[in-house]
């Protein structure tokens, strides 16, 4: 597989409608998607050789997303702000080129704005999964 351009990773937020329209979060320059699965340690005094034992399929799964970029005050920016202030779980679509698409409910856990007097206004956001996240291979 050829190397992929980071700019092709997309974060899209739904408009919240029953048949949602997804808007790409504008201005993103950096983004990270972390898939996590907490393990459940079931090691006890009878564990063979005192090796740790984990209970398969019992841990909690989560997805964390972070991103930062140039603030553009686009439609998606308004949806992100509204989602943060309402603390509402919105459906997000996360696209990783030539790998897959993750989709599910996320809460905006952090939203930051910054700017230098001689530079552009920037923002950073963090998303936390708030339910089941589906994966579709591309």
N, C-alpha and C. Protein backbone atom coordinates (compact mmCIF):
# COMPACT_ATOMS: atom_id res chain seq x y z
N UNK A 1 0.84 -1.17 0.00
CA UNK A 1 0.00 0.00 0.00
C UNK A 1 0.88 1.23 0.00
N UNK A 2 0.49 2.21 -0.79
CA UNK A 2 1.22 3.47 -0.86
C UNK A 2 0.96 4.31 0.37
N UNK A 3 1.86 5.23 0.65
CA UNK A 3 1.68 6.15 1.78
C UNK A 3 0.44 7.00 1.54
N UNK A 4 -0.20 7.38 2.63
CA UNK A 4 -1.42 8.18 2.55
C UNK A 4 -1.16 9.61 3.01
N UNK A 5 -1.86 10.55 2.41
CA UNK A 5 -1.74 11.95 2.82
C UNK A 5 -2.62 12.18 4.04
N UNK A 6 -2.05 12.77 5.08
CA UNK A 6 -2.80 13.05 6.31
C UNK A 6 -3.99 13.96 6.07
N UNK A 7 -3.89 14.83 5.07
CA UNK A 7 -4.99 15.75 4.79
C UNK A 7 -6.24 15.03 4.31
N UNK A 8 -6.10 13.76 3.89
CA UNK A 8 -7.25 13.01 3.41
C UNK A 8 -8.08 12.38 4.53
N UNK A 9 -7.55 12.40 5.77
CA UNK A 9 -8.36 11.96 6.91
C UNK A 9 -9.41 13.04 7.16
N UNK A 10 -10.66 12.65 7.26
CA UNK A 10 -11.73 13.62 7.42
C UNK A 10 -12.52 13.38 8.71
N UNK A 11 -12.94 14.48 9.34
CA UNK A 11 -13.88 14.44 10.45
C UNK A 11 -15.13 15.15 9.96
N UNK A 12 -16.27 14.45 10.06
CA UNK A 12 -17.52 15.04 9.61
C UNK A 12 -18.53 14.96 10.75
N UNK A 13 -19.28 16.03 10.94
CA UNK A 13 -20.31 16.10 11.96
C UNK A 13 -21.68 16.12 11.29
N UNK A 14 -22.63 15.40 11.88
CA UNK A 14 -23.98 15.39 11.32
C UNK A 14 -24.73 16.64 11.73
N UNK A 15 -25.76 16.96 10.97
CA UNK A 15 -26.58 18.12 11.30
C UNK A 15 -27.64 17.78 12.34
N UNK A 16 -27.70 16.52 12.79
CA UNK A 16 -28.64 16.12 13.83
C UNK A 16 -30.02 15.75 13.30
N UNK A 17 -30.24 15.84 12.00
CA UNK A 17 -31.54 15.51 11.40
C UNK A 17 -31.75 13.99 11.40
N UNK A 18 -33.01 13.54 11.34
CA UNK A 18 -33.29 12.09 11.28
C UNK A 18 -32.57 11.40 10.12
N UNK A 19 -32.52 12.06 8.97
CA UNK A 19 -31.69 11.60 7.85
C UNK A 19 -30.57 12.61 7.74
N UNK A 20 -29.45 12.34 8.42
CA UNK A 20 -28.43 13.38 8.59
C UNK A 20 -27.65 13.72 7.32
N UNK A 21 -27.26 14.99 7.27
CA UNK A 21 -26.29 15.48 6.30
C UNK A 21 -25.01 15.69 7.10
N UNK A 22 -23.88 15.24 6.56
CA UNK A 22 -22.60 15.38 7.25
C UNK A 22 -21.80 16.52 6.64
N UNK A 23 -21.23 17.35 7.52
CA UNK A 23 -20.39 18.47 7.10
C UNK A 23 -18.96 18.22 7.56
N UNK A 24 -18.00 18.36 6.65
CA UNK A 24 -16.59 18.22 7.01
C UNK A 24 -16.21 19.36 7.92
N UNK A 25 -15.53 19.05 9.03
CA UNK A 25 -15.06 20.10 9.94
C UNK A 25 -13.97 20.86 9.21
N UNK A 26 -14.25 22.13 8.94
CA UNK A 26 -13.38 22.95 8.09
C UNK A 26 -12.10 23.35 8.81
N UNK A 27 -11.05 23.53 8.03
CA UNK A 27 -9.81 24.09 8.54
C UNK A 27 -8.91 23.14 9.31
N UNK A 28 -9.29 21.87 9.44
CA UNK A 28 -8.45 20.95 10.21
C UNK A 28 -7.11 20.73 9.53
N UNK A 29 -6.05 20.89 10.29
CA UNK A 29 -4.69 20.66 9.79
C UNK A 29 -4.10 19.39 10.39
N UNK A 30 -4.51 19.07 11.61
CA UNK A 30 -3.98 17.88 12.29
C UNK A 30 -5.14 17.14 12.92
N UNK A 31 -5.09 15.82 12.87
CA UNK A 31 -6.14 15.02 13.48
C UNK A 31 -5.58 13.68 13.92
N UNK A 32 -6.11 13.18 15.03
CA UNK A 32 -5.68 11.90 15.56
C UNK A 32 -6.91 11.12 15.98
N UNK A 33 -6.96 9.86 15.61
CA UNK A 33 -8.05 8.97 16.01
C UNK A 33 -7.43 7.82 16.79
N UNK A 34 -7.88 7.64 18.03
CA UNK A 34 -7.34 6.57 18.89
C UNK A 34 -8.44 5.58 19.22
N UNK A 35 -8.20 4.32 18.88
CA UNK A 35 -9.12 3.24 19.23
C UNK A 35 -8.58 2.58 20.50
N UNK A 36 -9.43 2.44 21.49
CA UNK A 36 -8.99 1.93 22.78
C UNK A 36 -9.87 0.77 23.24
N UNK A 37 -9.27 -0.16 23.96
CA UNK A 37 -10.02 -1.26 24.58
C UNK A 37 -9.38 -1.53 25.94
N UNK A 38 -10.11 -1.20 26.98
CA UNK A 38 -9.61 -1.45 28.34
C UNK A 38 -9.68 -2.95 28.59
N UNK A 39 -8.64 -3.47 29.19
CA UNK A 39 -8.60 -4.91 29.46
C UNK A 39 -9.14 -5.19 30.86
N UNK A 40 -9.60 -6.41 31.03
CA UNK A 40 -10.11 -6.86 32.33
C UNK A 40 -9.19 -7.96 32.83
N UNK A 41 -8.41 -7.65 33.86
CA UNK A 41 -7.42 -8.57 34.42
C UNK A 41 -8.12 -9.56 35.35
N UNK A 42 -7.99 -10.85 35.03
CA UNK A 42 -8.61 -11.90 35.86
C UNK A 42 -7.55 -12.80 36.49
N UNK A 43 -6.34 -12.29 36.60
CA UNK A 43 -5.24 -13.05 37.19
C UNK A 43 -5.54 -13.34 38.65
N UNK A 44 -5.24 -14.56 39.08
CA UNK A 44 -5.39 -14.90 40.50
C UNK A 44 -4.24 -15.82 40.90
N UNK A 45 -4.29 -16.32 42.12
CA UNK A 45 -3.18 -17.14 42.62
C UNK A 45 -3.05 -18.47 41.88
N UNK A 46 -4.07 -18.88 41.15
CA UNK A 46 -4.01 -20.12 40.37
C UNK A 46 -3.56 -19.90 38.94
N UNK A 47 -3.25 -18.68 38.55
CA UNK A 47 -2.84 -18.40 37.18
C UNK A 47 -1.50 -19.08 36.90
N UNK A 48 -1.41 -19.78 35.79
CA UNK A 48 -0.24 -20.55 35.42
C UNK A 48 1.01 -19.69 35.41
N UNK A 49 1.99 -20.06 36.22
CA UNK A 49 3.26 -19.35 36.27
C UNK A 49 3.13 -17.90 36.69
N UNK A 50 2.02 -17.54 37.29
CA UNK A 50 1.72 -16.18 37.72
C UNK A 50 1.72 -15.19 36.55
N UNK A 51 1.41 -15.71 35.37
CA UNK A 51 1.26 -14.85 34.20
C UNK A 51 -0.10 -14.18 34.23
N UNK A 52 -0.12 -12.96 33.81
CA UNK A 52 -1.38 -12.22 33.76
C UNK A 52 -2.35 -12.90 32.82
N UNK A 53 -3.63 -12.92 33.20
CA UNK A 53 -4.69 -13.45 32.36
C UNK A 53 -5.71 -12.33 32.13
N UNK A 54 -6.15 -12.22 30.89
CA UNK A 54 -7.14 -11.22 30.54
C UNK A 54 -8.40 -11.91 30.04
N UNK A 55 -9.55 -11.38 30.42
CA UNK A 55 -10.82 -11.92 29.98
C UNK A 55 -11.17 -11.33 28.62
N UNK A 56 -11.13 -12.18 27.60
CA UNK A 56 -11.37 -11.72 26.23
C UNK A 56 -12.79 -11.19 26.06
N UNK A 57 -12.91 -10.08 25.35
CA UNK A 57 -14.21 -9.53 25.02
C UNK A 57 -14.94 -8.83 26.14
N UNK A 58 -14.32 -8.66 27.31
CA UNK A 58 -15.02 -8.09 28.46
C UNK A 58 -14.68 -6.63 28.71
N UNK A 59 -13.65 -6.11 28.06
CA UNK A 59 -13.23 -4.74 28.32
C UNK A 59 -14.13 -3.71 27.66
N UNK A 60 -14.01 -2.47 28.10
CA UNK A 60 -14.76 -1.36 27.54
C UNK A 60 -14.01 -0.78 26.35
N UNK A 61 -14.71 -0.64 25.22
CA UNK A 61 -14.10 -0.06 24.02
C UNK A 61 -14.48 1.41 23.92
N UNK A 62 -13.56 2.22 23.39
CA UNK A 62 -13.84 3.64 23.19
C UNK A 62 -13.02 4.16 22.03
N UNK A 63 -13.45 5.30 21.53
CA UNK A 63 -12.72 5.99 20.48
C UNK A 63 -12.51 7.43 20.95
N UNK A 64 -11.30 7.92 20.82
CA UNK A 64 -10.98 9.31 21.16
C UNK A 64 -10.45 9.98 19.90
N UNK A 65 -10.87 11.20 19.68
CA UNK A 65 -10.47 11.94 18.48
C UNK A 65 -9.99 13.31 18.93
N UNK A 66 -8.90 13.77 18.34
CA UNK A 66 -8.46 15.14 18.59
C UNK A 66 -8.09 15.75 17.24
N UNK A 67 -8.24 17.05 17.17
CA UNK A 67 -7.90 17.75 15.94
C UNK A 67 -7.64 19.21 16.22
N UNK A 68 -6.92 19.83 15.32
CA UNK A 68 -6.66 21.27 15.46
C UNK A 68 -6.50 21.85 14.06
N UNK A 69 -6.76 23.14 13.97
CA UNK A 69 -6.63 23.77 12.68
C UNK A 69 -7.00 25.23 12.71
N UNK A 70 -7.23 25.78 11.53
CA UNK A 70 -7.55 27.19 11.35
C UNK A 70 -9.05 27.38 11.51
N UNK A 71 -9.43 28.35 12.34
CA UNK A 71 -10.84 28.66 12.55
C UNK A 71 -11.39 29.36 11.32
N UNK A 72 -12.49 28.84 10.75
CA UNK A 72 -13.05 29.41 9.53
C UNK A 72 -14.47 29.91 9.72
N UNK A 73 -15.11 29.63 10.85
CA UNK A 73 -16.50 30.01 11.11
C UNK A 73 -17.43 29.49 10.02
N UNK A 74 -17.28 28.24 9.68
CA UNK A 74 -18.10 27.58 8.68
C UNK A 74 -19.31 26.93 9.36
N UNK A 75 -20.18 26.34 8.57
CA UNK A 75 -21.36 25.64 9.09
C UNK A 75 -20.93 24.59 10.12
N UNK A 76 -19.88 23.85 9.82
CA UNK A 76 -19.43 22.80 10.74
C UNK A 76 -18.95 23.39 12.06
N UNK A 77 -18.32 24.58 12.04
CA UNK A 77 -17.85 25.22 13.27
C UNK A 77 -19.03 25.53 14.19
N UNK A 78 -20.12 26.01 13.63
CA UNK A 78 -21.32 26.31 14.41
C UNK A 78 -21.89 25.02 15.02
N UNK A 79 -21.87 23.94 14.26
CA UNK A 79 -22.39 22.67 14.77
C UNK A 79 -21.51 22.14 15.90
N UNK A 80 -20.20 22.29 15.76
CA UNK A 80 -19.28 21.86 16.82
C UNK A 80 -19.52 22.68 18.09
N UNK A 81 -19.61 23.99 17.95
CA UNK A 81 -19.88 24.87 19.11
C UNK A 81 -21.18 24.49 19.80
N UNK A 82 -22.25 24.33 19.01
CA UNK A 82 -23.55 23.97 19.57
C UNK A 82 -23.47 22.64 20.30
N UNK A 83 -22.81 21.67 19.69
CA UNK A 83 -22.66 20.36 20.31
C UNK A 83 -21.91 20.46 21.64
N UNK A 84 -20.87 21.31 21.69
CA UNK A 84 -20.11 21.47 22.93
C UNK A 84 -20.99 22.10 24.02
N UNK A 85 -21.61 23.23 23.72
CA UNK A 85 -22.38 23.94 24.74
C UNK A 85 -23.61 23.15 25.20
N UNK A 86 -24.22 22.36 24.29
CA UNK A 86 -25.35 21.52 24.67
C UNK A 86 -24.90 20.22 25.34
N UNK A 87 -23.62 19.89 25.15
CA UNK A 87 -23.08 18.59 25.56
C UNK A 87 -23.95 17.46 25.02
N UNK A 88 -24.37 17.64 23.78
CA UNK A 88 -25.20 16.64 23.11
C UNK A 88 -24.32 15.68 22.33
N UNK A 89 -24.71 14.42 22.32
CA UNK A 89 -24.00 13.41 21.54
C UNK A 89 -24.50 13.51 20.10
N UNK A 90 -23.61 13.91 19.21
CA UNK A 90 -23.93 14.02 17.79
C UNK A 90 -23.26 12.86 17.07
N UNK A 91 -23.82 12.50 15.93
CA UNK A 91 -23.21 11.45 15.11
C UNK A 91 -22.09 12.08 14.30
N UNK A 92 -20.92 11.47 14.40
CA UNK A 92 -19.74 11.89 13.65
C UNK A 92 -19.33 10.77 12.71
N UNK A 93 -18.72 11.14 11.60
CA UNK A 93 -18.16 10.18 10.65
C UNK A 93 -16.68 10.49 10.54
N UNK A 94 -15.84 9.49 10.76
CA UNK A 94 -14.39 9.64 10.73
C UNK A 94 -13.87 8.79 9.58
N UNK A 95 -13.26 9.42 8.61
CA UNK A 95 -12.83 8.71 7.41
C UNK A 95 -11.31 8.64 7.37
N UNK A 96 -10.80 7.42 7.29
CA UNK A 96 -9.37 7.17 7.18
C UNK A 96 -9.17 6.54 5.80
N UNK A 97 -8.55 7.26 4.86
CA UNK A 97 -8.47 6.78 3.48
C UNK A 97 -7.80 5.41 3.36
N UNK A 98 -8.34 4.62 2.46
CA UNK A 98 -7.83 3.27 2.17
C UNK A 98 -7.80 2.36 3.40
N UNK A 99 -8.52 2.72 4.45
CA UNK A 99 -8.60 1.89 5.65
C UNK A 99 -10.05 1.65 6.01
N UNK A 100 -10.74 2.72 6.39
CA UNK A 100 -12.13 2.54 6.76
C UNK A 100 -12.78 3.80 7.27
N UNK A 101 -14.04 3.62 7.63
CA UNK A 101 -14.85 4.72 8.14
C UNK A 101 -15.45 4.30 9.47
N UNK A 102 -15.29 5.16 10.47
CA UNK A 102 -15.90 4.96 11.78
C UNK A 102 -17.06 5.92 11.89
N UNK A 103 -18.17 5.46 12.46
CA UNK A 103 -19.33 6.33 12.61
C UNK A 103 -20.04 6.00 13.91
N UNK A 104 -20.40 7.04 14.65
CA UNK A 104 -21.13 6.84 15.89
C UNK A 104 -21.30 8.15 16.63
N UNK A 105 -21.91 8.04 17.81
CA UNK A 105 -22.17 9.22 18.64
C UNK A 105 -20.92 9.61 19.41
N UNK A 106 -20.62 10.91 19.40
CA UNK A 106 -19.48 11.47 20.12
C UNK A 106 -19.92 12.74 20.83
N UNK A 107 -19.28 13.02 21.95
CA UNK A 107 -19.47 14.27 22.67
C UNK A 107 -18.20 15.09 22.50
N UNK A 108 -18.37 16.40 22.30
CA UNK A 108 -17.21 17.29 22.22
C UNK A 108 -16.73 17.50 23.65
N UNK A 109 -15.64 16.84 24.00
CA UNK A 109 -15.12 16.87 25.38
C UNK A 109 -14.30 18.12 25.66
N UNK A 110 -13.69 18.70 24.63
CA UNK A 110 -12.90 19.92 24.80
C UNK A 110 -12.94 20.72 23.51
N UNK A 111 -12.99 22.03 23.66
CA UNK A 111 -12.99 22.93 22.51
C UNK A 111 -12.19 24.16 22.91
N UNK A 112 -11.13 24.44 22.15
CA UNK A 112 -10.24 25.56 22.47
C UNK A 112 -10.08 26.46 21.26
N UNK A 113 -9.97 27.76 21.54
CA UNK A 113 -9.69 28.74 20.49
C UNK A 113 -8.46 29.53 20.92
N UNK A 114 -7.62 29.88 19.96
CA UNK A 114 -6.41 30.65 20.27
C UNK A 114 -6.03 31.46 19.04
N UNK A 115 -5.16 32.43 19.27
CA UNK A 115 -4.66 33.22 18.16
C UNK A 115 -3.59 34.19 18.61
N UNK A 116 -2.65 34.43 17.74
CA UNK A 116 -1.60 35.42 17.96
C UNK A 116 -2.02 36.70 17.23
N UNK A 117 -1.55 37.84 17.69
CA UNK A 117 -1.94 39.10 17.05
C UNK A 117 -1.48 39.19 15.60
N UNK A 118 -0.43 38.45 15.25
CA UNK A 118 0.07 38.49 13.87
C UNK A 118 -0.13 37.16 13.16
N UNK A 119 -1.12 36.39 13.60
CA UNK A 119 -1.37 35.08 12.98
C UNK A 119 -2.86 34.80 12.88
N UNK A 120 -3.17 33.63 12.38
CA UNK A 120 -4.55 33.23 12.20
C UNK A 120 -5.17 32.75 13.52
N UNK A 121 -6.50 32.79 13.60
CA UNK A 121 -7.22 32.21 14.74
C UNK A 121 -7.26 30.70 14.53
N UNK A 122 -6.97 29.95 15.57
CA UNK A 122 -6.93 28.49 15.47
C UNK A 122 -7.87 27.89 16.52
N UNK A 123 -8.19 26.62 16.33
CA UNK A 123 -9.02 25.91 17.28
C UNK A 123 -8.48 24.51 17.47
N UNK A 124 -8.88 23.89 18.58
CA UNK A 124 -8.55 22.50 18.85
C UNK A 124 -9.79 21.86 19.47
N UNK A 125 -10.02 20.61 19.14
CA UNK A 125 -11.16 19.91 19.72
C UNK A 125 -10.78 18.50 20.10
N UNK A 126 -11.51 17.96 21.07
CA UNK A 126 -11.37 16.56 21.49
C UNK A 126 -12.76 15.96 21.53
N UNK A 127 -12.89 14.77 20.95
CA UNK A 127 -14.16 14.05 20.94
C UNK A 127 -14.01 12.76 21.74
N UNK A 128 -15.07 12.37 22.43
CA UNK A 128 -15.11 11.11 23.17
C UNK A 128 -16.33 10.33 22.71
N UNK A 129 -16.13 9.06 22.36
CA UNK A 129 -17.26 8.24 21.91
C UNK A 129 -18.29 8.14 23.03
N UNK A 130 -19.57 8.16 22.63
CA UNK A 130 -20.67 8.15 23.60
C UNK A 130 -21.67 7.05 23.27
N UNK A 131 -21.18 5.96 22.74
CA UNK A 131 -22.03 4.84 22.35
C UNK A 131 -21.27 3.96 21.38
N UNK A 132 -22.01 3.05 20.76
CA UNK A 132 -21.40 2.13 19.80
C UNK A 132 -20.87 2.89 18.59
N UNK A 133 -19.70 2.47 18.12
CA UNK A 133 -19.08 3.06 16.93
C UNK A 133 -18.94 1.94 15.90
N UNK A 134 -19.49 2.17 14.73
CA UNK A 134 -19.41 1.15 13.67
C UNK A 134 -18.17 1.38 12.81
N UNK A 135 -17.68 0.30 12.20
CA UNK A 135 -16.54 0.38 11.30
C UNK A 135 -16.94 -0.23 9.96
N UNK A 136 -16.65 0.50 8.90
CA UNK A 136 -16.88 0.01 7.54
C UNK A 136 -15.57 0.12 6.79
N UNK A 137 -15.09 -1.01 6.26
CA UNK A 137 -13.84 -0.99 5.49
C UNK A 137 -14.06 -0.27 4.18
N UNK A 138 -13.04 0.49 3.75
CA UNK A 138 -13.12 1.20 2.45
C UNK A 138 -12.29 0.47 1.42
